Amino acid sequence: MNSARLSKIMKALSNQTRLELYLQIAKQSEASFETGCECFISDIVGSLSIGAPTISHHLKELANADLIITERRGKFLAARINKNTIQTANAILSLIDK
């Protein structure tokens, strides 16, 4: 992972609402481990006090940074954490500690 990609990830997570959305997806994904580690966006919309267009924008930003993977399931949108991106970012950030 190069510095431009890491910067894109950090920029995506620097927005408070986007970070909250990402954490909700991570929490729901963890809870649904048995069913494929994904969550339906409709399940978490109620926990965030923002409208659907804003959520859609934030999901797009998270997906563009490769932080989440989204998939249509009929009329619903499922999202899951891209664990490869997080593992790579963690490896780079751990270099700062050394």
PDB file of N, CA and C in Angstrom:
ATOM      1  N   MET A   1       0.856  -1.172   0.000  1.00  0.00           N
ATOM      2  CA  MET A   1       0.000   0.000   0.000  1.00  0.00           C
ATOM      3  C   MET A   1       0.897   1.229   0.000  1.00  0.00           C
ATOM      4  N   ASN A   2       0.605   2.141  -0.885  1.00  0.00           N
ATOM      5  CA  ASN A   2       1.406   3.355  -0.945  1.00  0.00           C
ATOM      6  C   ASN A   2       0.789   4.454  -0.078  1.00  0.00           C
ATOM      7  N   SER A   3       1.514   5.539   0.045  1.00  0.00           N
ATOM      8  CA  SER A   3       1.059   6.620   0.925  1.00  0.00           C
ATOM      9  C   SER A   3      -0.213   7.286   0.406  1.00  0.00           C
ATOM     10  N   ALA A   4      -0.409   7.318  -0.910  1.00  0.00           N
ATOM     11  CA  ALA A   4      -1.628   7.920  -1.461  1.00  0.00           C
ATOM     12  C   ALA A   4      -2.862   7.116  -1.055  1.00  0.00           C
ATOM     13  N   ARG A   5      -2.745   5.804  -1.079  1.00  0.00           N
ATOM     14  CA  ARG A   5      -3.877   4.950  -0.693  1.00  0.00           C
ATOM     15  C   ARG A   5      -4.161   5.072   0.804  1.00  0.00           C
ATOM     16  N   LEU A   6      -3.114   5.094   1.609  1.00  0.00           N
ATOM     17  CA  LEU A   6      -3.296   5.257   3.050  1.00  0.00           C
ATOM     18  C   LEU A   6      -3.931   6.613   3.353  1.00  0.00           C
ATOM     19  N   SER A   7      -3.517   7.632   2.628  1.00  0.00           N
ATOM     20  CA  SER A   7      -4.084   8.962   2.800  1.00  0.00           C
ATOM     21  C   SER A   7      -5.576   8.967   2.461  1.00  0.00           C
ATOM     22  N   LYS A   8      -5.958   8.249   1.409  1.00  0.00           N
ATOM     23  CA  LYS A   8      -7.362   8.157   1.010  1.00  0.00           C
ATOM     24  C   LYS A   8      -8.193   7.478   2.101  1.00  0.00           C
ATOM     25  N   ILE A   9      -7.625   6.450   2.712  1.00  0.00           N
ATOM     26  CA  ILE A   9      -8.309   5.748   3.803  1.00  0.00           C
ATOM     27  C   ILE A   9      -8.504   6.682   4.993  1.00  0.00           C
ATOM     28  N   MET A  10      -7.438   7.377   5.358  1.00  0.00           N
ATOM     29  CA  MET A  10      -7.508   8.286   6.508  1.00  0.00           C
ATOM     30  C   MET A  10      -8.486   9.427   6.249  1.00  0.00           C
ATOM     31  N   LYS A  11      -8.493   9.921   5.019  1.00  0.00           N
ATOM     32  CA  LYS A  11      -9.418  10.998   4.672  1.00  0.00           C
ATOM     33  C   LYS A  11     -10.861  10.512   4.780  1.00  0.00           C
ATOM     34  N   ALA A  12     -11.112   9.292   4.311  1.00  0.00           N
ATOM     35  CA  ALA A  12     -12.472   8.743   4.377  1.00  0.00           C
ATOM     36  C   ALA A  12     -12.938   8.602   5.821  1.00  0.00           C
ATOM     37  N   LEU A  13     -12.048   8.219   6.704  1.00  0.00           N
ATOM     38  CA  LEU A  13     -12.419   8.010   8.108  1.00  0.00           C
ATOM     39  C   LEU A  13     -12.342   9.285   8.944  1.00  0.00           C
ATOM     40  N   SER A  14     -11.868  10.380   8.362  1.00  0.00           N
ATOM     41  CA  SER A  14     -11.727  11.620   9.126  1.00  0.00           C
ATOM     42  C   SER A  14     -13.061  12.338   9.339  1.00  0.00           C
ATOM     43  N   ASN A  15     -14.073  11.992   8.568  1.00  0.00           N
ATOM     44  CA  ASN A  15     -15.399  12.569   8.744  1.00  0.00           C
ATOM     45  C   ASN A  15     -16.119  11.810   9.858  1.00  0.00           C
ATOM     46  N   GLN A  16     -16.620  12.532  10.845  1.00  0.00           N
ATOM     47  CA  GLN A  16     -17.224  11.892  12.016  1.00  0.00           C
ATOM     48  C   GLN A  16     -18.420  11.006  11.650  1.00  0.00           C
ATOM     49  N   THR A  17     -19.290  11.503  10.797  1.00  0.00           N
ATOM     50  CA  THR A  17     -20.462  10.719  10.400  1.00  0.00           C
ATOM     51  C   THR A  17     -20.047   9.470   9.645  1.00  0.00           C
ATOM     52  N   ARG A  18     -19.072   9.618   8.762  1.00  0.00           N
ATOM     53  CA  ARG A  18     -18.587   8.479   7.982  1.00  0.00           C
ATOM     54  C   ARG A  18     -17.930   7.449   8.890  1.00  0.00           C
ATOM     55  N   LEU A  19     -17.185   7.921   9.875  1.00  0.00           N
ATOM     56  CA  LEU A  19     -16.551   7.014  10.830  1.00  0.00           C
ATOM     57  C   LEU A  19     -17.614   6.257  11.627  1.00  0.00           C
ATOM     58  N   GLU A  20     -18.663   6.963  12.064  1.00  0.00           N
ATOM     59  CA  GLU A  20     -19.749   6.306  12.792  1.00  0.00           C
ATOM     60  C   GLU A  20     -20.427   5.247  11.925  1.00  0.00           C
ATOM     61  N   LEU A  21     -20.654   5.566  10.660  1.00  0.00           N
ATOM     62  CA  LEU A  21     -21.257   4.614   9.734  1.00  0.00           C
ATOM     63  C   LEU A  21     -20.358   3.398   9.553  1.00  0.00           C
ATOM     64  N   TYR A  22     -19.067   3.638   9.395  1.00  0.00           N
ATOM     65  CA  TYR A  22     -18.105   2.547   9.237  1.00  0.00           C
ATOM     66  C   TYR A  22     -18.088   1.649  10.480  1.00  0.00           C
ATOM     67  N   LEU A  23     -18.090   2.261  11.644  1.00  0.00           N
ATOM     68  CA  LEU A  23     -18.083   1.486  12.886  1.00  0.00           C
ATOM     69  C   LEU A  23     -19.372   0.677  13.054  1.00  0.00           C
ATOM     70  N   GLN A  24     -20.496   1.239  12.624  1.00  0.00           N
ATOM     71  CA  GLN A  24     -21.763   0.500  12.673  1.00  0.00           C
ATOM     72  C   GLN A  24     -21.712  -0.715  11.744  1.00  0.00           C
ATOM     73  N   ILE A  25     -21.158  -0.525  10.553  1.00  0.00           N
ATOM     74  CA  ILE A  25     -21.021  -1.643   9.615  1.00  0.00           C
ATOM     75  C   ILE A  25     -20.105  -2.704  10.209  1.00  0.00           C
ATOM     76  N   ALA A  26     -19.010  -2.270  10.820  1.00  0.00           N
ATOM     77  CA  ALA A  26     -18.075  -3.219  11.435  1.00  0.00           C
ATOM     78  C   ALA A  26     -18.756  -3.983  12.565  1.00  0.00           C
ATOM     79  N   LYS A  27     -19.517  -3.272  13.386  1.00  0.00           N
ATOM     80  CA  LYS A  27     -20.206  -3.902  14.518  1.00  0.00           C
ATOM     81  C   LYS A  27     -21.252  -4.904  14.026  1.00  0.00           C
ATOM     82  N   GLN A  28     -22.039  -4.511  13.039  1.00  0.00           N
ATOM     83  CA  GLN A  28     -23.058  -5.404  12.483  1.00  0.00           C
ATOM     84  C   GLN A  28     -22.417  -6.599  11.784  1.00  0.00           C
ATOM     85  N   SER A  29     -21.302  -6.353  11.101  1.00  0.00           N
ATOM     86  CA  SER A  29     -20.597  -7.440  10.415  1.00  0.00           C
ATOM     87  C   SER A  29     -20.088  -8.455  11.419  1.00  0.00           C
ATOM     88  N   GLU A  30     -19.580  -7.965  12.522  1.00  0.00           N
ATOM     89  CA  GLU A  30     -19.076  -8.844  13.586  1.00  0.00           C
ATOM     90  C   GLU A  30     -20.217  -9.676  14.169  1.00  0.00           C
ATOM     91  N   ALA A  31     -21.357  -9.038  14.367  1.00  0.00           N
ATOM     92  CA  ALA A  31     -22.513  -9.725  14.946  1.00  0.00           C
ATOM     93  C   ALA A  31     -23.095 -10.767  13.998  1.00  0.00           C
ATOM     94  N   SER A  32     -22.917 -10.564  12.693  1.00  0.00           N
ATOM     95  CA  SER A  32     -23.493 -11.493  11.718  1.00  0.00           C
ATOM     96  C   SER A  32     -22.440 -12.421  11.134  1.00  0.00           C
ATOM     97  N   PHE A  33     -21.435 -12.740  11.915  1.00  0.00           N
ATOM     98  CA  PHE A  33     -20.338 -13.584  11.443  1.00  0.00           C
ATOM     99  C   PHE A  33     -20.842 -14.892  10.841  1.00  0.00           C
ATOM    100  N   GLU A  34     -21.831 -15.482  11.474  1.00  0.00           N
ATOM    101  CA  GLU A  34     -22.350 -16.766  11.004  1.00  0.00           C
ATOM    102  C   GLU A  34     -23.038 -16.641   9.652  1.00  0.00           C
ATOM    103  N   THR A  35     -23.565 -15.482   9.335  1.00  0.00           N
ATOM    104  CA  THR A  35     -24.325 -15.316   8.098  1.00  0.00           C
ATOM    105  C   THR A  35     -23.538 -14.609   7.010  1.00  0.00           C
ATOM    106  N   GLY A  36     -22.246 -14.568   7.109  1.00  0.00           N
ATOM    107  CA  GLY A  36     -21.450 -14.007   6.026  1.00  0.00           C
ATOM    108  C   GLY A  36     -20.761 -12.699   6.315  1.00  0.00           C
ATOM    109  N   CYS A  37     -20.760 -12.250   7.559  1.00  0.00           N
ATOM    110  CA  CYS A  37     -20.034 -11.030   7.950  1.00  0.00           C
ATOM    111  C   CYS A  37     -20.469  -9.801   7.163  1.00  0.00           C
ATOM    112  N   GLU A  38     -21.728  -9.633   6.974  1.00  0.00           N
ATOM    113  CA  GLU A  38     -22.216  -8.451   6.282  1.00  0.00           C
ATOM    114  C   GLU A  38     -23.455  -7.943   6.990  1.00  0.00           C
ATOM    115  N   CYS A  39     -23.817  -6.727   6.669  1.00  0.00           N
ATOM    116  CA  CYS A  39     -25.023  -6.178   7.259  1.00  0.00           C
ATOM    117  C   CYS A  39     -25.801  -5.466   6.173  1.00  0.00           C
ATOM    118  N   PHE A  40     -27.070  -5.305   6.401  1.00  0.00           N
ATOM    119  CA  PHE A  40     -27.899  -4.551   5.478  1.00  0.00           C
ATOM    120  C   PHE A  40     -27.946  -3.110   5.962  1.00  0.00           C
ATOM    121  N   ILE A  41     -27.729  -2.205   5.049  1.00  0.00           N
ATOM    122  CA  ILE A  41     -27.681  -0.784   5.391  1.00  0.00           C
ATOM    123  C   ILE A  41     -29.002  -0.349   6.019  1.00  0.00           C
ATOM    124  N   SER A  42     -30.108  -0.911   5.574  1.00  0.00           N
ATOM    125  CA  SER A  42     -31.410  -0.555   6.145  1.00  0.00           C
ATOM    126  C   SER A  42     -31.477  -0.856   7.641  1.00  0.00           C
ATOM    127  N   ASP A  43     -30.679  -1.806   8.109  1.00  0.00           N
ATOM    128  CA  ASP A  43     -30.663  -2.145   9.538  1.00  0.00           C
ATOM    129  C   ASP A  43     -29.971  -1.086  10.396  1.00  0.00           C
ATOM    130  N   ILE A  44     -29.072  -0.314   9.802  1.00  0.00           N
ATOM    131  CA  ILE A  44     -28.329   0.664  10.603  1.00  0.00           C
ATOM    132  C   ILE A  44     -28.739   2.109  10.337  1.00  0.00           C
ATOM    133  N   VAL A  45     -29.605   2.325   9.347  1.00  0.00           N
ATOM    134  CA  VAL A  45     -30.033   3.686   9.026  1.00  0.00           C
ATOM    135  C   VAL A  45     -30.687   4.353  10.227  1.00  0.00           C
ATOM    136  N   GLY A  46     -31.493   3.619  10.966  1.00  0.00           N
ATOM    137  CA  GLY A  46     -32.203   4.188  12.113  1.00  0.00           C
ATOM    138  C   GLY A  46     -31.292   4.654  13.229  1.00  0.00           C
ATOM    139  N   SER A  47     -30.115   4.058  13.338  1.00  0.00           N
ATOM    140  CA  SER A  47     -29.210   4.436  14.424  1.00  0.00           C
ATOM    141  C   SER A  47     -28.448   5.724  14.123  1.00  0.00           C
ATOM    142  N   LEU A  48     -28.473   6.151  12.876  1.00  0.00           N
ATOM    143  CA  LEU A  48     -27.818   7.402  12.483  1.00  0.00           C
ATOM    144  C   LEU A  48     -28.904   8.407  12.120  1.00  0.00           C
ATOM    145  N   SER A  49     -28.786   9.603  12.614  1.00  0.00           N
ATOM    146  CA  SER A  49     -29.825  10.606  12.352  1.00  0.00           C
ATOM    147  C   SER A  49     -29.482  11.441  11.119  1.00  0.00           C
ATOM    148  N   ILE A  50     -29.310  10.751   9.989  1.00  0.00           N
ATOM    149  CA  ILE A  50     -29.037  11.427   8.722  1.00  0.00           C
ATOM    150  C   ILE A  50     -29.905  10.794   7.642  1.00  0.00           C
ATOM    151  N   GLY A  51     -30.125  11.534   6.573  1.00  0.00           N
ATOM    152  CA  GLY A  51     -30.991  11.070   5.503  1.00  0.00           C
ATOM    153  C   GLY A  51     -30.320  10.071   4.574  1.00  0.00           C
ATOM    154  N   ALA A  52     -31.148   9.410   3.788  1.00  0.00           N
ATOM    155  CA  ALA A  52     -30.666   8.386   2.859  1.00  0.00           C
ATOM    156  C   ALA A  52     -29.653   8.924   1.839  1.00  0.00           C
ATOM    157  N   PRO A  53     -29.860  10.119   1.257  1.00  0.00           N
ATOM    158  CA  PRO A  53     -28.861  10.616   0.303  1.00  0.00           C
ATOM    159  C   PRO A  53     -27.482  10.830   0.945  1.00  0.00           C
ATOM    160  N   THR A  54     -27.480  11.280   2.187  1.00  0.00           N
ATOM    161  CA  THR A  54     -26.213  11.494   2.893  1.00  0.00           C
ATOM    162  C   THR A  54     -25.540  10.167   3.193  1.00  0.00           C
ATOM    163  N   ILE A  55     -26.321   9.187   3.614  1.00  0.00           N
ATOM    164  CA  ILE A  55     -25.763   7.856   3.865  1.00  0.00           C
ATOM    165  C   ILE A  55     -25.190   7.286   2.580  1.00  0.00           C
ATOM    166  N   SER A  56     -25.912   7.457   1.489  1.00  0.00           N
ATOM    167  CA  SER A  56     -25.441   6.971   0.190  1.00  0.00           C
ATOM    168  C   SER A  56     -24.100   7.595  -0.178  1.00  0.00           C
ATOM    169  N   HIS A  57     -23.970   8.895   0.059  1.00  0.00           N
ATOM    170  CA  HIS A  57     -22.707   9.591  -0.221  1.00  0.00           C
ATOM    171  C   HIS A  57     -21.573   9.019   0.625  1.00  0.00           C
ATOM    172  N   HIS A  58     -21.824   8.835   1.904  1.00  0.00           N
ATOM    173  CA  HIS A  58     -20.786   8.319   2.797  1.00  0.00           C
ATOM    174  C   HIS A  58     -20.412   6.878   2.453  1.00  0.00           C
ATOM    175  N   LEU A  59     -21.389   6.075   2.069  1.00  0.00           N
ATOM    176  CA  LEU A  59     -21.091   4.702   1.641  1.00  0.00           C
ATOM    177  C   LEU A  59     -20.195   4.699   0.406  1.00  0.00           C
ATOM    178  N   LYS A  60     -20.475   5.613  -0.512  1.00  0.00           N
ATOM    179  CA  LYS A  60     -19.662   5.722  -1.727  1.00  0.00           C
ATOM    180  C   LYS A  60     -18.225   6.089  -1.376  1.00  0.00           C
ATOM    181  N   GLU A  61     -18.050   7.017  -0.455  1.00  0.00           N
ATOM    182  CA  GLU A  61     -16.701   7.416  -0.041  1.00  0.00           C
ATOM    183  C   GLU A  61     -15.955   6.265   0.635  1.00  0.00           C
ATOM    184  N   LEU A  62     -16.649   5.518   1.479  1.00  0.00           N
ATOM    185  CA  LEU A  62     -16.024   4.369   2.143  1.00  0.00           C
ATOM    186  C   LEU A  62     -15.658   3.290   1.128  1.00  0.00           C
ATOM    187  N   ALA A  63     -16.528   3.074   0.158  1.00  0.00           N
ATOM    188  CA  ALA A  63     -16.249   2.077  -0.884  1.00  0.00           C
ATOM    189  C   ALA A  63     -15.102   2.533  -1.782  1.00  0.00           C
ATOM    190  N   ASN A  64     -15.053   3.824  -2.113  1.00  0.00           N
ATOM    191  CA  ASN A  64     -13.962   4.350  -2.951  1.00  0.00           C
ATOM    192  C   ASN A  64     -12.609   4.224  -2.265  1.00  0.00           C
ATOM    193  N   ALA A  65     -12.608   4.246  -0.946  1.00  0.00           N
ATOM    194  CA  ALA A  65     -11.364   4.076  -0.184  1.00  0.00           C
ATOM    195  C   ALA A  65     -11.078   2.596   0.084  1.00  0.00           C
ATOM    196  N   ASP A  66     -11.889   1.710  -0.478  1.00  0.00           N
ATOM    197  CA  ASP A  66     -11.755   0.252  -0.303  1.00  0.00           C
ATOM    198  C   ASP A  66     -11.933  -0.189   1.147  1.00  0.00           C
ATOM    199  N   LEU A  67     -12.628   0.607   1.940  1.00  0.00           N
ATOM    200  CA  LEU A  67     -12.857   0.241   3.336  1.00  0.00           C
ATOM    201  C   LEU A  67     -14.026  -0.723   3.492  1.00  0.00           C
ATOM    202  N   ILE A  68     -14.989  -0.622   2.579  1.00  0.00           N
ATOM    203  CA  ILE A  68     -16.133  -1.533   2.609  1.00  0.00           C
ATOM    204  C   ILE A  68     -16.379  -2.091   1.214  1.00  0.00           C
ATOM    205  N   ILE A  69     -17.100  -3.191   1.198  1.00  0.00           N
ATOM    206  CA  ILE A  69     -17.546  -3.796  -0.053  1.00  0.00           C
ATOM    207  C   ILE A  69     -19.063  -3.826   0.018  1.00  0.00           C
ATOM    208  N   THR A  70     -19.718  -3.272  -1.004  1.00  0.00           N
ATOM    209  CA  THR A  70     -21.175  -3.247  -1.020  1.00  0.00           C
ATOM    210  C   THR A  70     -21.694  -4.152  -2.131  1.00  0.00           C
ATOM    211  N   GLU A  71     -22.900  -4.633  -1.910  1.00  0.00           N
ATOM    212  CA  GLU A  71     -23.503  -5.572  -2.856  1.00  0.00           C
ATOM    213  C   GLU A  71     -25.022  -5.458  -2.773  1.00  0.00           C
ATOM    214  N   ARG A  72     -25.682  -5.409  -3.906  1.00  0.00           N
ATOM    215  CA  ARG A  72     -27.144  -5.373  -3.942  1.00  0.00           C
ATOM    216  C   ARG A  72     -27.705  -6.764  -3.674  1.00  0.00           C
ATOM    217  N   ARG A  73     -28.683  -6.832  -2.802  1.00  0.00           N
ATOM    218  CA  ARG A  73     -29.412  -8.075  -2.512  1.00  0.00           C
ATOM    219  C   ARG A  73     -30.889  -7.763  -2.722  1.00  0.00           C
ATOM    220  N   GLY A  74     -31.346  -7.906  -3.934  1.00  0.00           N
ATOM    221  CA  GLY A  74     -32.713  -7.503  -4.257  1.00  0.00           C
ATOM    222  C   GLY A  74     -32.818  -5.999  -4.148  1.00  0.00           C
ATOM    223  N   LYS A  75     -33.735  -5.534  -3.324  1.00  0.00           N
ATOM    224  CA  LYS A  75     -33.869  -4.084  -3.148  1.00  0.00           C
ATOM    225  C   LYS A  75     -33.040  -3.555  -1.984  1.00  0.00           C
ATOM    226  N   PHE A  76     -32.278  -4.415  -1.348  1.00  0.00           N
ATOM    227  CA  PHE A  76     -31.469  -4.020  -0.197  1.00  0.00           C
ATOM    228  C   PHE A  76     -29.994  -3.926  -0.570  1.00  0.00           C
ATOM    229  N   LEU A  77     -29.269  -3.124   0.197  1.00  0.00           N
ATOM    230  CA  LEU A  77     -27.831  -2.983   0.009  1.00  0.00           C
ATOM    231  C   LEU A  77     -27.123  -3.606   1.204  1.00  0.00           C
ATOM    232  N   ALA A  78     -26.257  -4.554   0.919  1.00  0.00           N
ATOM    233  CA  ALA A  78     -25.469  -5.205   1.972  1.00  0.00           C
ATOM    234  C   ALA A  78     -24.063  -4.624   1.939  1.00  0.00           C
ATOM    235  N   ALA A  79     -23.458  -4.498   3.097  1.00  0.00           N
ATOM    236  CA  ALA A  79     -22.094  -3.977   3.189  1.00  0.00           C
ATOM    237  C   ALA A  79     -21.295  -4.832   4.151  1.00  0.00           C
ATOM    238  N   ARG A  80     -20.017  -4.938   3.862  1.00  0.00           N
ATOM    239  CA  ARG A  80     -19.113  -5.637   4.779  1.00  0.00           C
ATOM    240  C   ARG A  80     -17.766  -4.936   4.749  1.00  0.00           C
ATOM    241  N   ILE A  81     -17.023  -5.133   5.800  1.00  0.00           N
ATOM    242  CA  ILE A  81     -15.705  -4.531   5.939  1.00  0.00           C
ATOM    243  C   ILE A  81     -14.731  -5.238   5.000  1.00  0.00           C
ATOM    244  N   ASN A  82     -13.875  -4.461   4.351  1.00  0.00           N
ATOM    245  CA  ASN A  82     -12.810  -5.037   3.531  1.00  0.00           C
ATOM    246  C   ASN A  82     -11.620  -5.265   4.463  1.00  0.00           C
ATOM    247  N   LYS A  83     -11.505  -6.474   4.950  1.00  0.00           N
ATOM    248  CA  LYS A  83     -10.477  -6.784   5.951  1.00  0.00           C
ATOM    249  C   LYS A  83      -9.067  -6.665   5.397  1.00  0.00           C
ATOM    250  N   ASN A  84      -8.880  -6.899   4.108  1.00  0.00           N
ATOM    251  CA  ASN A  84      -7.543  -6.775   3.512  1.00  0.00           C
ATOM    252  C   ASN A  84      -7.025  -5.346   3.612  1.00  0.00           C
ATOM    253  N   THR A  85      -7.900  -4.382   3.340  1.00  0.00           N
ATOM    254  CA  THR A  85      -7.495  -2.976   3.417  1.00  0.00           C
ATOM    255  C   THR A  85      -7.114  -2.606   4.841  1.00  0.00           C
ATOM    256  N   ILE A  86      -7.906  -3.033   5.807  1.00  0.00           N
ATOM    257  CA  ILE A  86      -7.634  -2.703   7.207  1.00  0.00           C
ATOM    258  C   ILE A  86      -6.339  -3.349   7.678  1.00  0.00           C
ATOM    259  N   GLN A  87      -6.116  -4.592   7.312  1.00  0.00           N
ATOM    260  CA  GLN A  87      -4.886  -5.276   7.719  1.00  0.00           C
ATOM    261  C   GLN A  87      -3.657  -4.585   7.140  1.00  0.00           C
ATOM    262  N   THR A  88      -3.744  -4.173   5.889  1.00  0.00           N
ATOM    263  CA  THR A  88      -2.615  -3.490   5.260  1.00  0.00           C
ATOM    264  C   THR A  88      -2.374  -2.134   5.906  1.00  0.00           C
ATOM    265  N   ALA A  89      -3.449  -1.387   6.159  1.00  0.00           N
ATOM    266  CA  ALA A  89      -3.313  -0.080   6.812  1.00  0.00           C
ATOM    267  C   ALA A  89      -2.733  -0.238   8.213  1.00  0.00           C
ATOM    268  N   ASN A  90      -3.184  -1.248   8.941  1.00  0.00           N
ATOM    269  CA  ASN A  90      -2.645  -1.506  10.284  1.00  0.00           C
ATOM    270  C   ASN A  90      -1.155  -1.816  10.229  1.00  0.00           C
ATOM    271  N   ALA A  91      -0.739  -2.583   9.242  1.00  0.00           N
ATOM    272  CA  ALA A  91       0.677  -2.925   9.106  1.00  0.00           C
ATOM    273  C   ALA A  91       1.513  -1.671   8.869  1.00  0.00           C
ATOM    274  N   ILE A  92       1.010  -0.778   8.042  1.00  0.00           N
ATOM    275  CA  ILE A  92       1.751   0.460   7.770  1.00  0.00           C
ATOM    276  C   ILE A  92       1.780   1.344   9.012  1.00  0.00           C
ATOM    277  N   LEU A  93       0.642   1.470   9.678  1.00  0.00           N
ATOM    278  CA  LEU A  93       0.589   2.313  10.874  1.00  0.00           C
ATOM    279  C   LEU A  93       1.440   1.749  12.003  1.00  0.00           C
ATOM    280  N   SER A  94       1.612   0.456  12.051  1.00  0.00           N
ATOM    281  CA  SER A  94       2.449  -0.133  13.100  1.00  0.00           C
ATOM    282  C   SER A  94       3.916   0.238  12.910  1.00  0.00           C
ATOM    283  N   LEU A  95       4.291   0.608  11.701  1.00  0.00           N
ATOM    284  CA  LEU A  95       5.666   1.050  11.452  1.00  0.00           C
ATOM    285  C   LEU A  95       5.961   2.367  12.167  1.00  0.00           C
ATOM    286  N   ILE A  96       4.929   3.156  12.395  1.00  0.00           N
ATOM    287  CA  ILE A  96       5.096   4.440  13.083  1.00  0.00           C
ATOM    288  C   ILE A  96       5.508   4.212  14.528  1.00  0.00           C
ATOM    289  N   ASP A  97       5.001   3.150  15.133  1.00  0.00           N
ATOM    290  CA  ASP A  97       5.314   2.821  16.523  1.00  0.00           C
ATOM    291  C   ASP A  97       6.766   2.421  16.727  1.00  0.00           C
ATOM    292  N   LYS A  98       7.390   1.938  15.685  1.00  0.00           N
ATOM    293  CA  LYS A  98       8.745   1.382  15.829  1.00  0.00           C
ATOM    294  C   LYS A  98       9.813   2.430  15.772  1.00  0.00           C
TER     295      LYS A  98
END
